[in-house]
Amino acid sequence: MPAAAADPDQASSETPEPPGPQAQRTSSLAPLVPLGGVDDEAKRRDLVRMKLVATGFLLGATVVFLVGRYFEVNGGPGWVGYVRAAGEAGMIGALADWFAVTALFRRPLGLPIPHTAIIPTKKDQLGDSLGDFVGENFLSEAVVRDKLARAELSARVGAWLREPEHAERVTAELATAARAAVTVLRDEDVQEVLEELLVRQLMTRPWGPPLGRVLEGVLADGSHHRLVDLLCDRAYDWIVANQEAVLRVVEDRSPSWSPKFIDEMVADKVYNEVQTFAFNVKNDPEHPLRKSIDTFLIEFAGDMQNDPATIEKAEEIKTQFFANPEVENFIGQAWATIKTMLLDAAEDPSSDLRRRVTAGLISLGERLSTDSELQAKLDNWVQQAAGYVVRHYRDEIITLITETVQRWDAEETSRKVELQVGRDLQFIRINGTVVGALAGVVIYAVSQLF
């Protein structure tokens, strides 16, 4: 019995198991999260306390057995047998449950008993089983879709996002991310990307047909009439404001032998005719000149799409345009301006850009909260995206779990798991002592009865 009075947990910790092949294989791997934090220290104290309590039950059962046995062999009363049986069965139950709990994490008393030290020796198998369990019960496409359907994510996000303080928080995070991204990017790299995306892409595609289609659409809905009106108004205003210039041109073109008063009369007549013509063009939407402009533009739009000569001319203009060094300078200056605007807006919480983003987020949140059709679309999109991830990356996720468990150090894993659940497992030892004692009384009573 003296061995029963010793603390089994203390004995097992003082007699470490020689490292086996598994321990040798994992000793060079990175350990699990290191022990020693504030929470771990508190859990360790609770675990030690519960071990002492469970061991106290074992010691109590041992004392009861010894006292009962002493009185039983020395002529004690008949009921002493029940006390002795309770103590004996309680002691056995405590030792059995101590063995069962200890065998999960280490070899009891350091003895190489088969099927002990379950967690250190079966760590990889447990990791594989955990991966299979997660894959079958949590990473099933039907399970994921059902969970997302019942979660109503879009409505919840909308309810959260429409609160001004939440929208401002998201805006601040976006500003921080944008500031970090803009700061990290080099101006030369951004300019090169812009040139790749804009200049080279535009250079590889002909301009004539697209511009012709755009012009054709503008002419079809009559949007160009406002521009024609503006040009006619400006032309008439210029003629009115520059009478002397018109007269001087006429006089300069007159023959040298023509008398001056005749030149002046002709110049006045020409100016009046030009002013009258400009006035009529300005005020008459059906003027023949306007019709001629419409006809010319329509024909020009068709030529840009179908006439090889016009298309080739447009390509020449495009090449000349992008060959100009000022275009490259413009791209660099545009990025510098955009970068400065982004940095200033990100730094200033009261900037117009951040206020607009916040307002847009609040508006989005309100729509998500009230628009059932939009909610259904977004929820369906999320479900489809999650289903795609599960279908195509389920095995990779399971492999992540199993490989992570394999990289854990076996002994450190055992200590970590024991630290997390060992306190509750000590109640098994306590319950084993109590239940064993009660079972011992019942068995002794039945043996006495029969």
Protein backbone atom coordinates (compact mmCIF):
# COMPACT_ATOMS: atom_id res chain seq x y z
CA MET A 1 0.00 0.00 0.00
CA PRO A 2 2.78 2.58 0.41
CA ALA A 3 2.91 2.92 -3.37
CA ALA A 4 -0.75 3.86 -3.34
CA ALA A 5 -0.12 6.65 -0.91
CA ALA A 6 2.37 8.34 -3.22
CA ASP A 7 1.30 11.02 -5.69
CA PRO A 8 1.02 9.22 -9.04
CA ASP A 9 1.34 12.47 -11.01
CA GLN A 10 4.49 13.44 -9.14
CA ALA A 11 5.94 9.99 -9.72
CA SER A 12 5.25 10.12 -13.43
CA SER A 13 6.79 13.55 -13.80
CA GLU A 14 9.97 12.47 -11.99
CA THR A 15 10.43 9.40 -14.23
CA PRO A 16 10.53 10.71 -17.80
CA GLU A 17 10.05 8.31 -20.65
CA PRO A 18 13.06 7.70 -22.86
CA PRO A 19 12.59 9.41 -26.19
CA GLY A 20 11.28 7.05 -28.83
CA PRO A 21 11.45 7.33 -32.61
CA GLN A 22 8.47 9.69 -32.69
CA ALA A 23 10.01 12.02 -30.12
CA GLN A 24 13.34 11.95 -31.95
CA ARG A 25 11.63 12.76 -35.25
CA THR A 26 9.69 15.71 -33.87
CA SER A 27 12.37 17.12 -31.59
CA SER A 28 13.78 19.20 -34.41
CA LEU A 29 10.38 20.58 -35.41
CA ALA A 30 8.97 23.86 -34.25
CA PRO A 31 7.10 23.51 -30.95
CA LEU A 32 3.51 24.39 -30.36
CA VAL A 33 2.67 27.81 -28.93
CA PRO A 34 5.24 28.24 -26.12
CA LEU A 35 4.02 27.79 -22.59
CA GLY A 36 4.50 30.39 -19.93
CA GLY A 37 2.01 33.17 -20.65
CA VAL A 38 -0.22 34.74 -18.02
CA ASP A 39 -3.19 32.56 -18.98
CA ASP A 40 -1.00 29.44 -19.08
CA GLU A 41 0.35 30.14 -15.62
CA ALA A 42 -3.17 30.48 -14.24
CA LYS A 43 -4.22 27.24 -15.93
CA ARG A 44 -1.14 25.50 -14.62
CA ARG A 45 -1.96 26.54 -11.07
CA ASP A 46 -5.55 25.33 -11.47
CA LEU A 47 -4.31 22.03 -12.89
CA VAL A 48 -1.89 21.47 -10.00
CA ARG A 49 -4.62 22.37 -7.51
CA MET A 50 -7.09 19.91 -9.03
CA LYS A 51 -4.43 17.19 -9.15
CA LEU A 52 -3.83 17.69 -5.43
CA VAL A 53 -7.58 17.49 -4.76
CA ALA A 54 -7.92 14.27 -6.80
CA THR A 55 -4.84 12.80 -5.10
CA GLY A 56 -6.36 13.81 -1.76
CA PHE A 57 -9.42 11.70 -2.58
CA LEU A 58 -7.07 8.79 -3.34
CA LEU A 59 -5.24 9.29 -0.05
CA GLY A 60 -8.54 9.57 1.80
CA ALA A 61 -9.79 6.30 0.31
CA THR A 62 -6.48 4.67 1.26
CA VAL A 63 -6.77 5.84 4.86
CA VAL A 64 -10.38 4.64 5.07
CA PHE A 65 -9.32 1.23 3.73
CA LEU A 66 -6.42 0.89 6.16
CA VAL A 67 -8.47 1.95 9.18
CA GLY A 68 -11.40 -0.28 8.18
CA ARG A 69 -9.11 -3.23 7.58
CA TYR A 70 -7.39 -2.73 10.94
CA PHE A 71 -10.66 -2.78 12.87
CA GLU A 72 -11.99 -5.65 10.73
CA VAL A 73 -9.09 -7.98 11.63
CA ASN A 74 -9.08 -6.87 15.26
CA GLY A 75 -12.69 -7.73 16.12
CA GLY A 76 -14.43 -4.50 15.13
CA PRO A 77 -18.20 -4.27 14.66
CA GLY A 78 -19.86 -5.74 11.56
CA TRP A 79 -20.41 -2.49 9.78
CA VAL A 80 -16.65 -1.91 9.61
CA GLY A 81 -16.61 -4.31 6.65
CA TYR A 82 -18.74 -1.88 4.67
CA VAL A 83 -16.30 0.93 5.49
CA ARG A 84 -13.35 -1.20 4.48
CA ALA A 85 -15.07 -2.24 1.21
CA ALA A 86 -15.90 1.39 0.41
CA GLY A 87 -12.32 2.48 1.01
CA GLU A 88 -10.88 -0.43 -0.95
CA ALA A 89 -13.14 0.06 -3.99
CA GLY A 90 -12.69 3.83 -3.87
CA MET A 91 -8.92 3.40 -3.84
CA ILE A 92 -9.09 1.02 -6.80
CA GLY A 93 -11.40 3.36 -8.72
CA ALA A 94 -9.10 6.31 -8.04
CA LEU A 95 -6.02 4.41 -9.21
CA ALA A 96 -7.79 3.12 -12.32
CA ASP A 97 -9.00 6.57 -13.33
CA TRP A 98 -5.61 8.10 -12.53
CA PHE A 99 -4.08 5.53 -14.89
CA ALA A 100 -6.66 6.32 -17.60
CA VAL A 101 -6.16 10.09 -17.37
CA THR A 102 -2.38 9.89 -17.18
CA ALA A 103 -2.19 7.45 -20.09
CA LEU A 104 -3.57 10.13 -22.36
CA PHE A 105 -0.53 12.36 -21.90
CA ARG A 106 2.38 10.14 -20.75
CA ARG A 107 3.34 6.63 -19.68
CA PRO A 108 2.17 6.06 -16.07
CA LEU A 109 5.19 5.77 -13.75
CA GLY A 110 7.36 5.77 -16.88
CA LEU A 111 6.48 2.13 -17.59
CA PRO A 112 6.31 1.10 -21.29
CA ILE A 113 2.74 -0.10 -21.00
CA PRO A 114 1.01 -0.59 -24.38
CA HIS A 115 -1.61 1.95 -25.46
CA THR A 116 -0.39 4.67 -23.10
CA ALA A 117 0.96 8.17 -23.86
CA ILE A 118 -1.82 8.36 -26.45
CA ILE A 119 -1.38 11.99 -27.47
CA PRO A 120 2.44 11.99 -27.91
CA THR A 121 2.56 8.68 -29.77
CA LYS A 122 -0.63 9.06 -31.79
CA LYS A 123 -0.30 12.77 -32.54
CA ASP A 124 -0.06 12.38 -36.30
CA GLN A 125 -2.95 9.91 -36.43
CA LEU A 126 -5.01 12.28 -34.30
CA GLY A 127 -4.14 15.10 -36.70
CA ASP A 128 -5.28 13.00 -39.67
CA SER A 129 -8.49 12.09 -37.86
CA LEU A 130 -9.08 15.73 -36.95
CA GLY A 131 -8.55 16.75 -40.57
CA ASP A 132 -10.98 14.10 -41.81
CA PHE A 133 -13.52 15.09 -39.18
CA VAL A 134 -13.32 18.77 -40.11
CA GLY A 135 -13.49 17.94 -43.81
CA GLU A 136 -16.55 15.74 -43.49
CA ASN A 137 -18.52 17.75 -40.95
CA PHE A 138 -17.45 21.36 -41.46
CA LEU A 139 -16.04 21.66 -44.97
CA SER A 140 -18.94 19.97 -46.70
CA GLU A 141 -20.39 22.25 -49.38
CA ALA A 142 -23.95 21.53 -48.23
CA VAL A 143 -23.07 22.37 -44.63
CA VAL A 144 -21.29 25.58 -45.57
CA ARG A 145 -24.09 26.75 -47.85
CA ASP A 146 -26.75 25.96 -45.24
CA LYS A 147 -24.83 27.81 -42.54
CA LEU A 148 -24.33 30.87 -44.73
CA ALA A 149 -27.99 30.82 -45.82
CA ARG A 150 -29.15 30.89 -42.20
CA ALA A 151 -26.56 33.47 -41.18
CA GLU A 152 -28.11 36.28 -43.32
CA LEU A 153 -24.72 37.92 -43.68
CA SER A 154 -25.76 40.75 -45.97
CA ALA A 155 -28.53 41.92 -43.64
CA ARG A 156 -26.20 41.78 -40.64
CA VAL A 157 -23.45 43.62 -42.47
CA GLY A 158 -25.94 46.23 -43.62
CA ALA A 159 -27.31 46.77 -40.10
CA TRP A 160 -23.77 47.16 -38.80
CA LEU A 161 -22.51 49.32 -41.65
CA ARG A 162 -25.34 51.85 -41.63
CA GLU A 163 -24.29 53.04 -38.18
CA PRO A 164 -22.18 56.20 -38.72
CA GLU A 165 -19.49 55.19 -36.24
CA HIS A 166 -19.06 51.82 -37.93
CA ALA A 167 -18.90 53.40 -41.40
CA GLU A 168 -16.30 55.87 -40.13
CA ARG A 169 -14.28 52.99 -38.69
CA VAL A 170 -14.31 51.16 -42.03
CA THR A 171 -13.34 54.40 -43.81
CA ALA A 172 -10.43 54.87 -41.43
CA GLU A 173 -9.22 51.33 -42.10
CA LEU A 174 -9.53 51.84 -45.85
CA ALA A 175 -7.61 55.11 -45.55
CA THR A 176 -4.85 53.38 -43.62
CA ALA A 177 -4.62 50.62 -46.23
CA ALA A 178 -4.63 53.12 -49.10
CA ARG A 179 -1.95 55.23 -47.41
CA ALA A 180 0.23 52.17 -46.86
CA ALA A 181 -0.22 50.98 -50.44
CA VAL A 182 0.51 54.40 -51.95
CA THR A 183 3.56 54.84 -49.72
CA VAL A 184 5.02 51.46 -50.62
CA LEU A 185 4.53 51.84 -54.38
CA ARG A 186 7.39 53.45 -56.27
CA ASP A 187 6.48 56.26 -58.64
CA GLU A 188 8.53 54.71 -61.43
CA ASP A 189 6.71 51.40 -61.12
CA VAL A 190 3.29 53.02 -61.10
CA GLN A 191 4.15 55.16 -64.11
CA GLU A 192 5.39 52.08 -65.96
CA VAL A 193 2.18 50.22 -65.15
CA LEU A 194 0.06 53.15 -66.30
CA GLU A 195 1.98 53.33 -69.54
CA GLU A 196 1.56 49.58 -69.99
CA LEU A 197 -2.17 49.68 -69.32
CA LEU A 198 -3.02 52.92 -71.10
CA VAL A 199 -0.49 53.82 -73.77
CA ARG A 200 0.44 50.38 -75.04
CA GLN A 201 -3.11 49.11 -74.93
CA LEU A 202 -4.32 52.16 -76.81
CA MET A 203 -1.51 51.84 -79.32
CA THR A 204 -2.43 48.26 -80.17
CA ARG A 205 -6.01 49.13 -81.08
CA PRO A 206 -7.14 51.26 -84.02
CA TRP A 207 -8.77 54.54 -83.10
CA GLY A 208 -10.76 55.24 -86.22
CA PRO A 209 -13.65 52.76 -85.95
CA PRO A 210 -14.31 53.28 -82.19
CA LEU A 211 -14.23 57.06 -82.53
CA GLY A 212 -16.44 56.82 -85.60
CA ARG A 213 -19.01 54.78 -83.68
CA VAL A 214 -18.92 57.27 -80.80
CA LEU A 215 -19.40 60.21 -83.20
CA GLU A 216 -22.18 58.33 -84.94
CA GLY A 217 -23.98 57.84 -81.64
CA VAL A 218 -23.57 61.51 -80.74
CA LEU A 219 -24.98 62.55 -84.11
CA ALA A 220 -27.88 60.11 -83.82
CA ASP A 221 -29.28 61.66 -80.64
CA GLY A 222 -28.50 65.25 -81.73
CA SER A 223 -26.09 65.99 -78.87
CA HIS A 224 -23.75 67.77 -81.29
CA HIS A 225 -26.30 70.55 -81.90
CA ARG A 226 -25.31 72.26 -78.68
CA LEU A 227 -21.71 72.42 -79.86
CA VAL A 228 -22.79 73.79 -83.23
CA ASP A 229 -24.93 76.41 -81.45
CA LEU A 230 -21.95 77.43 -79.36
CA LEU A 231 -19.69 77.75 -82.41
CA CYS A 232 -22.28 79.85 -84.29
CA ASP A 233 -22.77 82.14 -81.29
CA ARG A 234 -19.04 82.61 -80.89
CA ALA A 235 -18.56 83.28 -84.61
CA TYR A 236 -21.30 85.93 -84.67
CA ASP A 237 -19.94 87.60 -81.50
CA TRP A 238 -16.44 87.70 -82.98
CA ILE A 239 -17.68 89.28 -86.22
CA VAL A 240 -19.59 91.94 -84.27
CA ALA A 241 -16.60 92.70 -82.05
CA ASN A 242 -14.05 92.80 -84.90
CA GLN A 243 -15.60 95.02 -87.57
CA GLU A 244 -12.33 96.91 -88.14
CA ALA A 245 -10.46 93.68 -88.76
CA VAL A 246 -12.99 92.61 -91.40
CA LEU A 247 -12.84 96.00 -93.13
CA ARG A 248 -9.01 95.95 -93.08
CA VAL A 249 -8.94 92.52 -94.73
CA VAL A 250 -11.23 93.71 -97.53
CA GLU A 251 -9.21 96.87 -98.09
CA ASP A 252 -5.94 94.92 -98.16
CA ARG A 253 -7.32 92.61 -100.83
CA SER A 254 -8.56 95.49 -103.06
CA PRO A 255 -6.61 96.46 -106.24
CA SER A 256 -4.03 99.19 -105.73
CA TRP A 257 -5.64 101.36 -108.39
CA SER A 258 -9.08 101.28 -106.69
CA PRO A 259 -10.12 104.58 -105.02
CA LYS A 260 -10.19 104.51 -101.25
CA PHE A 261 -13.86 105.51 -100.88
CA ILE A 262 -14.83 102.64 -103.16
CA ASP A 263 -12.80 100.21 -101.02
CA GLU A 264 -14.56 101.47 -97.94
CA MET A 265 -18.00 101.06 -99.56
CA VAL A 266 -17.15 97.50 -100.65
CA ALA A 267 -15.74 96.68 -97.22
CA ASP A 268 -18.91 97.94 -95.49
CA LYS A 269 -21.05 95.92 -97.88
CA VAL A 270 -19.02 92.75 -97.33
CA TYR A 271 -19.08 93.20 -93.57
CA ASN A 272 -22.85 93.68 -93.51
CA GLU A 273 -23.35 90.58 -95.64
CA VAL A 274 -21.04 88.53 -93.40
CA GLN A 275 -22.77 89.78 -90.25
CA THR A 276 -26.21 89.06 -91.71
CA PHE A 277 -25.13 85.57 -92.77
CA ALA A 278 -23.68 84.82 -89.31
CA PHE A 279 -26.85 86.12 -87.66
CA ASN A 280 -29.03 83.87 -89.79
CA VAL A 281 -26.88 80.82 -89.10
CA LYS A 282 -27.00 81.60 -85.39
CA ASN A 283 -30.78 81.95 -85.14
CA ASP A 284 -32.05 79.51 -87.77
CA PRO A 285 -31.78 75.83 -86.66
CA GLU A 286 -32.71 74.78 -90.21
CA HIS A 287 -30.10 76.92 -91.94
CA PRO A 288 -28.42 75.19 -94.93
CA LEU A 289 -24.99 75.68 -93.35
CA ARG A 290 -26.11 73.75 -90.28
CA LYS A 291 -27.46 71.00 -92.53
CA SER A 292 -24.14 70.92 -94.36
CA ILE A 293 -22.30 70.56 -91.04
CA ASP A 294 -24.56 67.62 -90.07
CA THR A 295 -23.99 65.98 -93.45
CA PHE A 296 -20.23 66.42 -93.18
CA LEU A 297 -20.11 64.97 -89.66
CA ILE A 298 -22.22 61.97 -90.65
CA GLU A 299 -20.02 61.26 -93.64
CA PHE A 300 -16.89 61.73 -91.51
CA ALA A 301 -18.17 59.27 -88.88
CA GLY A 302 -18.77 56.71 -91.63
CA ASP A 303 -15.33 57.29 -93.16
CA MET A 304 -13.62 56.77 -89.77
CA GLN A 305 -15.23 53.36 -89.58
CA ASN A 306 -14.96 52.21 -93.19
CA ASP A 307 -12.58 54.37 -95.23
CA PRO A 308 -9.00 52.96 -95.12
CA ALA A 309 -7.43 56.34 -95.84
CA THR A 310 -9.30 58.04 -92.99
CA ILE A 311 -8.53 55.17 -90.61
CA GLU A 312 -4.84 55.33 -91.55
CA LYS A 313 -4.82 59.09 -90.98
CA ALA A 314 -6.31 58.57 -87.51
CA GLU A 315 -3.56 56.04 -86.75
CA GLU A 316 -0.90 58.54 -87.81
CA ILE A 317 -2.39 61.16 -85.52
CA LYS A 318 -2.49 58.63 -82.67
CA THR A 319 1.17 57.70 -83.18
CA GLN A 320 2.22 61.33 -83.27
CA PHE A 321 0.19 62.03 -80.14
CA PHE A 322 1.76 59.28 -78.02
CA ALA A 323 5.23 59.93 -79.41
CA ASN A 324 5.13 63.35 -77.84
CA PRO A 325 7.28 63.41 -74.66
CA GLU A 326 4.66 65.54 -72.99
CA VAL A 327 2.32 62.54 -72.88
CA GLU A 328 4.76 60.61 -70.67
CA ASN A 329 5.26 63.69 -68.52
CA PHE A 330 1.52 64.06 -68.23
CA ILE A 331 1.14 60.49 -66.96
CA GLY A 332 3.85 61.04 -64.34
CA GLN A 333 2.30 64.32 -63.25
CA ALA A 334 -1.15 62.74 -63.10
CA TRP A 335 0.07 59.97 -60.78
CA ALA A 336 1.91 62.48 -58.60
CA THR A 337 -1.28 64.52 -58.30
CA ILE A 338 -3.41 61.45 -57.53
CA LYS A 339 -0.87 60.24 -54.96
CA THR A 340 -0.84 63.61 -53.20
CA MET A 341 -4.64 63.73 -53.15
CA LEU A 342 -4.88 60.22 -51.72
CA LEU A 343 -2.30 60.88 -49.01
CA ASP A 344 -3.90 64.17 -48.02
CA ALA A 345 -7.37 62.62 -47.96
CA ALA A 346 -6.14 59.63 -45.93
CA GLU A 347 -4.44 61.85 -43.36
CA ASP A 348 -7.37 64.22 -42.92
CA PRO A 349 -10.48 62.66 -41.29
CA SER A 350 -12.53 65.65 -42.41
CA SER A 351 -11.47 65.48 -46.06
CA ASP A 352 -14.15 65.50 -48.71
CA LEU A 353 -13.05 62.12 -50.04
CA ARG A 354 -13.34 60.41 -46.65
CA ARG A 355 -16.71 62.03 -46.02
CA ARG A 356 -17.96 60.78 -49.37
CA VAL A 357 -16.66 57.26 -48.67
CA THR A 358 -18.34 57.27 -45.26
CA ALA A 359 -21.61 58.50 -46.74
CA GLY A 360 -21.41 55.86 -49.45
CA LEU A 361 -20.85 53.12 -46.86
CA ILE A 362 -23.81 54.31 -44.80
CA SER A 363 -25.97 54.35 -47.92
CA LEU A 364 -24.78 50.86 -48.81
CA GLY A 365 -25.60 49.67 -45.29
CA GLU A 366 -29.11 51.08 -45.51
CA ARG A 367 -29.69 49.35 -48.85
CA LEU A 368 -28.37 46.07 -47.51
CA SER A 369 -30.69 46.37 -44.51
CA THR A 370 -33.86 47.09 -46.47
CA ASP A 371 -33.44 45.77 -50.03
CA SER A 372 -34.38 42.09 -49.89
CA GLU A 373 -33.50 41.57 -53.55
CA LEU A 374 -29.98 42.93 -53.02
CA GLN A 375 -29.64 40.82 -49.88
CA ALA A 376 -30.58 37.69 -51.81
CA LYS A 377 -28.07 38.47 -54.57
CA LEU A 378 -25.20 39.09 -52.18
CA ASP A 379 -26.03 36.08 -50.00
CA ASN A 380 -26.19 33.89 -53.09
CA TRP A 381 -22.85 35.27 -54.29
CA VAL A 382 -21.24 34.56 -50.91
CA GLN A 383 -22.65 31.04 -50.92
CA GLN A 384 -21.37 30.38 -54.42
CA ALA A 385 -17.93 31.75 -53.53
CA ALA A 386 -17.78 29.63 -50.36
CA GLY A 387 -18.96 26.59 -52.29
CA TYR A 388 -16.24 27.14 -54.89
CA VAL A 389 -13.58 27.41 -52.19
CA VAL A 390 -14.82 24.24 -50.48
CA ARG A 391 -14.99 22.29 -53.74
CA HIS A 392 -11.55 23.26 -54.97
CA TYR A 393 -9.54 23.83 -51.80
CA ARG A 394 -11.07 21.43 -49.28
CA ASP A 395 -8.13 19.03 -49.51
CA GLU A 396 -5.63 21.88 -49.10
CA ILE A 397 -7.39 23.06 -45.94
CA ILE A 398 -7.43 19.55 -44.51
CA THR A 399 -3.76 19.17 -45.40
CA LEU A 400 -3.05 22.43 -43.58
CA ILE A 401 -4.56 20.95 -40.42
CA THR A 402 -2.74 17.62 -40.65
CA GLU A 403 0.62 19.11 -41.59
CA THR A 404 0.35 21.69 -38.82
CA VAL A 405 -0.29 18.95 -36.26
CA GLN A 406 2.63 16.94 -37.67
CA ARG A 407 4.96 19.91 -37.18
CA TRP A 408 4.07 20.16 -33.50
CA ASP A 409 6.51 18.73 -30.99
CA ALA A 410 4.92 15.62 -29.44
CA GLU A 411 5.84 16.31 -25.80
CA GLU A 412 5.01 19.99 -26.03
CA THR A 413 1.67 19.14 -27.62
CA SER A 414 0.88 16.72 -24.81
CA ARG A 415 1.70 19.34 -22.18
CA LYS A 416 -0.31 21.98 -23.98
CA VAL A 417 -3.39 19.77 -24.31
CA GLU A 418 -3.11 18.69 -20.70
CA LEU A 419 -2.90 22.32 -19.66
CA GLN A 420 -6.12 23.08 -21.53
CA VAL A 421 -8.26 20.09 -20.45
CA GLY A 422 -6.35 18.45 -17.61
CA ARG A 423 -8.17 20.35 -14.88
CA ASP A 424 -11.54 19.00 -16.00
CA LEU A 425 -10.09 15.50 -16.39
CA GLN A 426 -9.20 15.45 -12.69
CA PHE A 427 -12.91 15.27 -11.95
CA ILE A 428 -12.82 11.84 -13.58
CA ARG A 429 -10.42 10.75 -10.85
CA ILE A 430 -12.62 12.29 -8.16
CA ASN A 431 -15.75 10.72 -9.58
CA GLY A 432 -13.94 7.38 -9.92
CA THR A 433 -13.07 7.47 -6.22
CA VAL A 434 -16.63 8.29 -5.15
CA VAL A 435 -18.35 5.93 -7.58
CA GLY A 436 -15.87 3.16 -6.74
CA ALA A 437 -16.56 3.56 -3.03
CA LEU A 438 -20.32 3.37 -3.58
CA ALA A 439 -19.91 0.36 -5.87
CA GLY A 440 -17.74 -1.32 -3.24
CA VAL A 441 -20.44 -0.88 -0.59
CA VAL A 442 -23.07 -2.31 -2.93
CA ILE A 443 -20.91 -5.30 -3.89
CA TYR A 444 -20.03 -6.02 -0.27
CA ALA A 445 -23.69 -5.78 0.75
CA VAL A 446 -24.75 -8.20 -2.00
CA SER A 447 -21.99 -10.63 -1.00
CA GLN A 448 -23.11 -10.53 2.59
CA LEU A 449 -26.76 -11.00 1.59
CA PHE A 450 -26.14 -14.11 -0.51
